[in-house]
């Protein structure tokens, strides 16, 4: 099998499992317990938090450990907006993850919030000029992804965050896809989400960085863990796994990504790349194949041992065209022909060559049977 759906989830890395193992077995204490077993767990958790903070260039107290990217996004959007003294106006882009868009919709339905959805250009990029024009006196938060999960486009987050800093508005970025591939330490953001299972940890661990001084209302109440911002017994083993995953160096599959893009566009002349060719994640290649069905192409590829996706794993099975591709100006019927390939540092050029050949065959086969 050639697995090219790392944007959905990555295999758990052996080094991560080995680091976690002691805290899944003998070192099982609750960090909130006031005895030697609990104090040992708390010390381990503190060490893991400090390691994660050092990687991100932030302070340990600014990190909130969560269950993953979706919870982190929800906490950022709802928590910062509800705690804001400016108002309840939220700005985001038309291509955000559903965790952002649906959190904003929730605030609109139940808390009287309003929102501005910024357009993107044909490559999926947000204009700083458009962002500056959208900021109001009651704007509580701006949330714009660092890198898009469906098209791989990387925003100039530092430039966008500079706009909101001048206006005194907190800026949140969903860095779930970019973590491990792009530097995160100097983005200038006030809040940042990431998920461990995109980096080689088991599913169920993530974090939200919130800059000191930015008020945030908790979503989970109870024992007051995470400095009162996210109650619930901390997952010590998963925190150790996340700190280990962030410390591991990943080789860049940039050359293999470019081989895949060039190969597919040459082998299937009617295909086109979605997202930016230059401002793009180093492991991401996504295409539309007009005249086909993306799902049918996926099934044909999987029949030959190649696993990829049609876009966001969170929207798998939906009959609707991707809101991300439609926002780029792609017709809904063409958007439904999308296929996404996301590589890992272990992906080889030989595998890429096989994938290109199989993609060409799959598209031809699907077209021959009427899409």
Protein backbone atom coordinates (compact mmCIF):
# COMPACT_ATOMS: atom_id res chain seq x y z
CA UNK A 1 0.00 0.00 0.00
CA UNK A 2 1.10 3.55 -0.77
CA UNK A 3 -0.46 5.80 1.85
CA UNK A 4 -0.85 9.42 0.71
CA UNK A 5 -3.43 10.76 3.14
CA UNK A 6 -1.16 12.15 5.85
CA UNK A 7 -3.26 15.33 6.06
CA UNK A 8 -6.03 13.17 7.51
CA UNK A 9 -3.81 11.27 9.94
CA UNK A 10 -0.27 9.96 10.17
CA UNK A 11 1.00 6.62 11.48
CA UNK A 12 2.05 6.74 15.11
CA UNK A 13 5.83 7.07 15.28
CA UNK A 14 7.75 4.42 17.17
CA UNK A 15 9.71 7.02 19.14
CA UNK A 16 6.43 8.52 20.31
CA UNK A 17 5.04 5.20 21.48
CA UNK A 18 8.25 4.36 23.34
CA UNK A 19 8.21 7.73 25.11
CA UNK A 20 4.55 7.29 26.07
CA UNK A 21 4.77 3.68 27.23
CA UNK A 22 5.91 4.27 30.85
CA UNK A 23 2.94 6.61 31.39
CA UNK A 24 0.49 4.08 29.99
CA UNK A 25 1.73 1.43 32.42
CA UNK A 26 3.59 1.95 35.70
CA UNK A 27 3.50 5.76 35.83
CA UNK A 28 -0.29 6.07 35.84
CA UNK A 29 -0.89 8.83 38.37
CA UNK A 30 -3.36 11.68 38.21
CA UNK A 31 -1.45 14.99 38.07
CA UNK A 32 -4.01 16.59 40.40
CA UNK A 33 -3.48 14.02 43.16
CA UNK A 34 -1.54 15.17 46.22
CA UNK A 35 0.66 12.15 46.79
CA UNK A 36 3.93 10.87 45.35
CA UNK A 37 2.31 9.05 42.42
CA UNK A 38 0.34 12.14 41.44
CA UNK A 39 3.28 14.46 41.99
CA UNK A 40 5.41 12.30 39.69
CA UNK A 41 2.73 12.59 36.99
CA UNK A 42 2.58 16.37 37.49
CA UNK A 43 6.34 16.67 37.11
CA UNK A 44 6.22 14.67 33.88
CA UNK A 45 3.36 16.80 32.57
CA UNK A 46 5.24 19.99 33.43
CA UNK A 47 8.35 18.76 31.62
CA UNK A 48 6.30 17.86 28.52
CA UNK A 49 4.59 21.26 28.55
CA UNK A 50 7.93 23.05 28.83
CA UNK A 51 9.32 21.05 25.90
CA UNK A 52 6.30 21.87 23.73
CA UNK A 53 6.51 25.55 24.68
CA UNK A 54 10.21 25.70 23.78
CA UNK A 55 9.47 24.25 20.35
CA UNK A 56 6.80 26.88 19.72
CA UNK A 57 8.79 29.74 21.24
CA UNK A 58 6.13 30.50 23.89
CA UNK A 59 5.77 30.19 27.65
CA UNK A 60 4.49 26.92 29.20
CA UNK A 61 1.69 28.78 30.99
CA UNK A 62 0.36 29.94 27.60
CA UNK A 63 -0.45 26.37 26.48
CA UNK A 64 -3.80 24.63 26.95
CA UNK A 65 -3.70 20.88 26.31
CA UNK A 66 -6.83 19.66 24.50
CA UNK A 67 -8.18 16.56 22.81
CA UNK A 68 -7.18 17.74 19.32
CA UNK A 69 -7.53 20.36 16.63
CA UNK A 70 -11.32 20.57 16.65
CA UNK A 71 -11.51 21.26 20.37
CA UNK A 72 -8.67 23.77 20.12
CA UNK A 73 -10.43 25.65 17.32
CA UNK A 74 -13.72 25.63 19.22
CA UNK A 75 -12.04 26.91 22.37
CA UNK A 76 -10.24 29.66 20.48
CA UNK A 77 -13.26 30.95 18.57
CA UNK A 78 -15.88 30.60 21.30
CA UNK A 79 -13.65 31.24 24.28
CA UNK A 80 -11.91 34.38 23.04
CA UNK A 81 -15.08 35.86 21.52
CA UNK A 82 -17.19 35.28 24.63
CA UNK A 83 -14.50 36.80 26.85
CA UNK A 84 -13.98 39.87 24.68
CA UNK A 85 -14.89 43.33 25.96
CA UNK A 86 -14.84 44.78 22.42
CA UNK A 87 -17.92 42.96 21.15
CA UNK A 88 -18.88 39.77 19.34
CA UNK A 89 -17.89 40.33 15.74
CA UNK A 90 -15.66 37.59 14.28
CA UNK A 91 -13.68 37.68 11.03
CA UNK A 92 -12.59 34.55 9.18
CA UNK A 93 -12.05 33.38 5.61
CA UNK A 94 -14.26 31.47 3.20
CA UNK A 95 -11.95 28.41 3.20
CA UNK A 96 -11.63 27.69 6.91
CA UNK A 97 -12.04 24.28 8.51
CA UNK A 98 -15.56 23.40 9.63
CA UNK A 99 -14.43 23.59 13.27
CA UNK A 100 -13.97 27.35 12.79
CA UNK A 101 -17.00 28.03 10.61
CA UNK A 102 -19.42 26.03 12.72
CA UNK A 103 -18.11 27.59 15.94
CA UNK A 104 -18.87 31.01 14.48
CA UNK A 105 -22.34 29.86 13.41
CA UNK A 106 -22.94 28.65 16.97
CA UNK A 107 -21.98 32.07 18.35
CA UNK A 108 -24.35 33.73 15.90
CA UNK A 109 -27.26 31.44 16.83
CA UNK A 110 -26.87 31.48 20.60
CA UNK A 111 -24.85 34.55 21.57
CA UNK A 112 -25.86 37.27 19.11
CA UNK A 113 -22.48 37.33 17.37
CA UNK A 114 -21.94 38.62 13.85
CA UNK A 115 -19.28 37.63 11.34
CA UNK A 116 -17.46 38.72 8.22
CA UNK A 117 -16.29 36.01 5.84
CA UNK A 118 -13.35 37.24 3.80
CA UNK A 119 -13.04 36.14 0.18
CA UNK A 120 -9.91 34.48 -1.21
CA UNK A 121 -8.30 34.67 -4.62
CA UNK A 122 -8.08 31.75 -7.06
CA UNK A 123 -5.11 30.35 -5.10
CA UNK A 124 -6.88 30.57 -1.75
CA UNK A 125 -4.99 33.58 -0.38
CA UNK A 126 -6.53 36.23 1.88
CA UNK A 127 -5.68 39.88 1.21
CA UNK A 128 -4.35 41.92 4.16
CA UNK A 129 -6.14 44.91 2.63
CA UNK A 130 -9.48 43.07 2.78
CA UNK A 131 -8.77 42.09 6.37
CA UNK A 132 -7.97 45.65 7.42
CA UNK A 133 -11.19 46.90 5.82
CA UNK A 134 -13.29 44.30 7.67
CA UNK A 135 -12.11 45.15 11.21
CA UNK A 136 -14.69 47.04 13.28
CA UNK A 137 -14.80 48.56 16.74
CA UNK A 138 -16.66 45.47 17.98
CA UNK A 139 -14.37 42.88 16.34
CA UNK A 140 -13.47 40.32 18.99
CA UNK A 141 -11.34 37.89 16.97
CA UNK A 142 -9.81 37.15 13.59
CA UNK A 143 -9.24 33.47 12.79
CA UNK A 144 -7.45 32.48 9.56
CA UNK A 145 -5.77 29.14 8.85
CA UNK A 146 -2.01 28.94 8.47
CA UNK A 147 -2.31 26.23 5.80
CA UNK A 148 -5.45 24.84 4.23
CA UNK A 149 -6.13 21.15 4.60
CA UNK A 150 -7.83 20.70 1.21
CA UNK A 151 -5.66 22.77 -1.14
CA UNK A 152 -2.40 23.16 0.79
CA UNK A 153 -2.22 26.94 0.37
CA UNK A 154 -0.11 28.67 3.04
CA UNK A 155 -1.25 32.11 4.16
CA UNK A 156 1.13 34.94 5.02
CA UNK A 157 -0.07 34.77 8.60
CA UNK A 158 2.63 37.13 9.88
CA UNK A 159 1.36 39.89 7.57
CA UNK A 160 -2.28 39.24 8.48
CA UNK A 161 -1.51 39.15 12.20
CA UNK A 162 0.33 42.47 11.90
CA UNK A 163 -2.88 44.05 10.59
CA UNK A 164 -4.88 42.88 13.59
CA UNK A 165 -2.15 43.86 16.05
CA UNK A 166 -2.33 47.44 14.82
CA UNK A 167 -6.08 47.35 15.46
CA UNK A 168 -5.78 45.70 18.89
CA UNK A 169 -7.72 42.59 17.81
CA UNK A 170 -6.56 39.05 18.76
CA UNK A 171 -5.52 36.82 15.85
CA UNK A 172 -5.96 33.02 15.94
CA UNK A 173 -4.55 30.60 13.39
CA UNK A 174 -5.34 26.94 12.84
CA UNK A 175 -1.88 25.43 12.33
CA UNK A 176 -3.05 21.80 12.39
CA UNK A 177 -1.75 21.13 8.86
CA UNK A 178 1.40 23.25 9.01
CA UNK A 179 2.77 21.98 12.34
CA UNK A 180 5.82 19.86 11.69
CA UNK A 181 6.25 21.19 8.16
CA UNK A 182 6.58 24.96 8.64
CA UNK A 183 8.07 27.17 11.39
CA UNK A 184 5.49 28.33 13.91
CA UNK A 185 7.58 30.35 16.36
CA UNK A 186 7.52 33.75 14.65
CA UNK A 187 4.02 34.10 13.25
CA UNK A 188 3.05 36.91 15.63
CA UNK A 189 -0.31 35.35 16.47
CA UNK A 190 -2.25 35.56 19.74
CA UNK A 191 -3.61 32.01 19.57
CA UNK A 192 -2.67 28.86 17.65
CA UNK A 193 -4.18 25.37 17.34
CA UNK A 194 -2.47 22.11 16.49
CA UNK A 195 -3.25 18.37 16.65
CA UNK A 196 -0.87 15.58 17.57
CA UNK A 197 -2.14 12.91 15.19
CA UNK A 198 -0.93 14.94 12.20
CA UNK A 199 2.57 14.67 13.70
CA UNK A 200 2.76 11.00 14.64
CA UNK A 201 0.97 10.75 17.98
CA UNK A 202 -2.14 8.70 18.76
CA UNK A 203 -5.40 10.56 18.19
CA UNK A 204 -6.77 12.50 21.13
CA UNK A 205 -4.13 15.12 21.95
CA UNK A 206 -3.78 18.70 20.75
CA UNK A 207 -3.16 22.13 22.11
CA UNK A 208 -4.20 25.72 21.98
CA UNK A 209 -1.61 28.43 22.54
CA UNK A 210 -3.13 31.62 23.93
CA UNK A 211 -0.85 34.61 24.47
CA UNK A 212 -0.69 35.86 28.05
CA UNK A 213 -3.14 38.70 28.55
CA UNK A 214 -5.71 37.45 26.02
CA UNK A 215 -8.87 36.61 28.00
CA UNK A 216 -10.57 33.31 27.21
CA UNK A 217 -13.77 31.76 28.53
CA UNK A 218 -13.48 27.99 29.18
CA UNK A 219 -15.80 25.55 27.44
CA UNK A 220 -15.25 22.76 29.96
CA UNK A 221 -15.83 23.40 33.65
CA UNK A 222 -15.00 21.24 36.62
CA UNK A 223 -11.69 20.62 38.31
CA UNK A 224 -9.95 23.76 37.09
CA UNK A 225 -7.10 22.05 35.26
CA UNK A 226 -5.03 23.91 32.65
CA UNK A 227 -5.06 27.03 34.84
CA UNK A 228 -8.87 27.02 34.87
CA UNK A 229 -9.15 27.20 31.08
CA UNK A 230 -9.93 23.53 30.32
CA UNK A 231 -11.10 21.26 33.12
CA UNK A 232 -10.54 17.52 32.98
CA UNK A 233 -7.79 15.14 34.07
CA UNK A 234 -4.78 15.73 31.83
CA UNK A 235 -3.60 12.96 29.49
CA UNK A 236 0.00 12.73 30.68
CA UNK A 237 1.06 10.00 28.27
CA UNK A 238 -0.37 11.88 25.27
CA UNK A 239 1.32 15.11 26.38
CA UNK A 240 4.64 13.26 26.46
CA UNK A 241 3.86 11.89 23.01
CA UNK A 242 3.13 15.34 21.65
CA UNK A 243 6.33 16.81 23.07
CA UNK A 244 8.29 13.91 21.57
CA UNK A 245 6.62 14.24 18.15
CA UNK A 246 7.39 17.95 18.00
CA UNK A 247 11.04 17.29 18.83
CA UNK A 248 11.52 14.81 15.98
CA UNK A 249 12.97 16.20 12.76
CA UNK A 250 10.90 15.51 9.66
CA UNK A 251 12.58 15.42 6.29
CA UNK A 252 10.83 17.51 3.63
CA UNK A 253 9.14 15.65 0.75
CA UNK A 254 9.21 18.84 -1.35
CA UNK A 255 11.03 17.20 -4.28
CA UNK A 256 8.60 14.28 -4.31
CA UNK A 257 5.66 16.68 -4.08
CA UNK A 258 6.86 18.57 -7.14
CA UNK A 259 7.47 15.30 -9.01
CA UNK A 260 3.90 14.31 -8.25
CA UNK A 261 2.43 17.64 -9.35
CA UNK A 262 4.45 17.77 -12.58
CA UNK A 263 3.81 14.09 -13.30
CA UNK A 264 0.04 14.23 -12.86
CA UNK A 265 -0.35 17.44 -14.88
CA UNK A 266 1.69 15.87 -17.71
CA UNK A 267 -0.08 12.50 -17.60
CA UNK A 268 -3.59 13.99 -17.37
CA UNK A 269 -3.56 17.19 -19.48
CA UNK A 270 -7.11 18.16 -18.50
CA UNK A 271 -6.26 18.08 -14.78
CA UNK A 272 -5.45 21.24 -12.85
CA UNK A 273 -3.80 21.94 -9.53
CA UNK A 274 -5.94 23.48 -6.80
CA UNK A 275 -4.41 26.05 -4.47
CA UNK A 276 -1.14 27.90 -4.85
CA UNK A 277 1.79 26.32 -6.65
CA UNK A 278 4.34 28.41 -4.74
CA UNK A 279 2.73 29.22 -1.36
CA UNK A 280 2.03 25.59 -0.60
CA UNK A 281 2.70 22.94 2.03
CA UNK A 282 5.77 20.87 1.10
CA UNK A 283 3.83 17.59 1.29
CA UNK A 284 0.56 18.57 -0.42
CA UNK A 285 -0.70 18.06 -3.98
CA UNK A 286 -4.38 18.45 -4.88
CA UNK A 287 -6.10 18.31 -8.26
CA UNK A 288 -9.41 18.43 -10.03
CA UNK A 289 -10.03 15.93 -12.83
CA UNK A 290 -12.92 17.36 -14.91
CA UNK A 291 -15.14 14.74 -16.45
CA UNK A 292 -14.73 12.30 -13.57
CA UNK A 293 -16.01 11.74 -10.07
CA UNK A 294 -13.38 12.28 -7.41
CA UNK A 295 -14.81 9.47 -5.31
CA UNK A 296 -14.71 7.08 -8.28
CA UNK A 297 -11.06 7.97 -8.95
CA UNK A 298 -10.29 7.34 -5.27
CA UNK A 299 -11.90 3.90 -5.40
CA UNK A 300 -9.99 3.00 -8.55
CA UNK A 301 -6.71 4.10 -6.98
CA UNK A 302 -7.40 2.17 -3.78
CA UNK A 303 -8.11 -0.93 -5.87
CA UNK A 304 -4.44 -0.66 -6.90
CA UNK A 305 -3.17 -0.06 -3.36
CA UNK A 306 -2.98 3.75 -3.36
CA UNK A 307 -4.76 5.51 -0.49
CA UNK A 308 -5.55 9.22 -0.80
CA UNK A 309 -8.66 11.38 -0.31
CA UNK A 310 -11.08 13.76 -1.96
CA UNK A 311 -10.47 16.55 0.56
CA UNK A 312 -11.15 17.05 4.24
CA UNK A 313 -11.56 13.84 6.23
CA UNK A 314 -14.05 15.71 8.42
CA UNK A 315 -16.38 16.14 5.40
CA UNK A 316 -15.97 12.63 3.98
CA UNK A 317 -19.19 11.21 2.58
CA UNK A 318 -20.81 14.60 1.97
CA UNK A 319 -22.67 14.98 -1.33
CA UNK A 320 -22.03 18.72 -1.41
CA UNK A 321 -19.16 20.31 -3.31
CA UNK A 322 -16.26 21.46 -1.15
CA UNK A 323 -16.84 24.97 0.19
CA UNK A 324 -13.09 25.54 -0.13
CA UNK A 325 -12.98 24.80 -3.85
CA UNK A 326 -16.17 26.74 -4.56
CA UNK A 327 -14.63 29.76 -2.77
CA UNK A 328 -11.73 29.56 -5.25
CA UNK A 329 -14.23 30.05 -8.09
CA UNK A 330 -14.34 26.41 -9.14
CA UNK A 331 -17.75 25.24 -10.38
CA UNK A 332 -19.46 22.84 -7.95
CA UNK A 333 -19.60 20.01 -10.49
CA UNK A 334 -15.85 20.34 -11.11
CA UNK A 335 -15.12 20.65 -7.39
CA UNK A 336 -16.63 17.18 -6.97
CA UNK A 337 -13.80 15.76 -9.10
CA UNK A 338 -11.15 16.73 -6.54
CA UNK A 339 -8.48 14.34 -5.28
CA UNK A 340 -5.87 15.17 -2.62
CA UNK A 341 -2.48 13.53 -2.12
CA UNK A 342 -0.54 14.31 1.07
CA UNK A 343 2.93 12.85 1.42
CA UNK A 344 5.25 12.06 4.30
CA UNK A 345 9.02 12.37 4.58
CA UNK A 346 9.20 8.62 3.84
CA UNK A 347 7.47 8.90 0.44
CA UNK A 348 9.89 7.85 -2.32
CA UNK A 349 10.29 8.94 -5.94
CA UNK A 350 9.54 5.37 -7.04
CA UNK A 351 6.23 5.52 -5.22
CA UNK A 352 5.45 8.87 -6.83
CA UNK A 353 6.13 7.42 -10.28
CA UNK A 354 3.73 4.55 -9.59
CA UNK A 355 1.08 6.94 -8.31
CA UNK A 356 1.32 9.11 -11.43
CA UNK A 357 0.88 6.06 -13.65
CA UNK A 358 -2.07 4.81 -11.63
CA UNK A 359 -3.73 8.23 -11.57
CA UNK A 360 -3.64 8.43 -15.36
CA UNK A 361 -5.13 4.92 -15.62
CA UNK A 362 -7.78 5.67 -13.00
CA UNK A 363 -8.94 8.87 -14.69
CA UNK A 364 -9.13 7.09 -18.05
CA UNK A 365 -11.08 4.21 -16.54
CA UNK A 366 -13.57 6.46 -14.74
CA UNK A 367 -14.14 8.58 -17.82
CA UNK A 368 -14.69 5.47 -19.93
CA UNK A 369 -17.57 4.41 -17.69
CA UNK A 370 -19.13 7.86 -17.69
CA UNK A 371 -17.56 9.46 -14.61
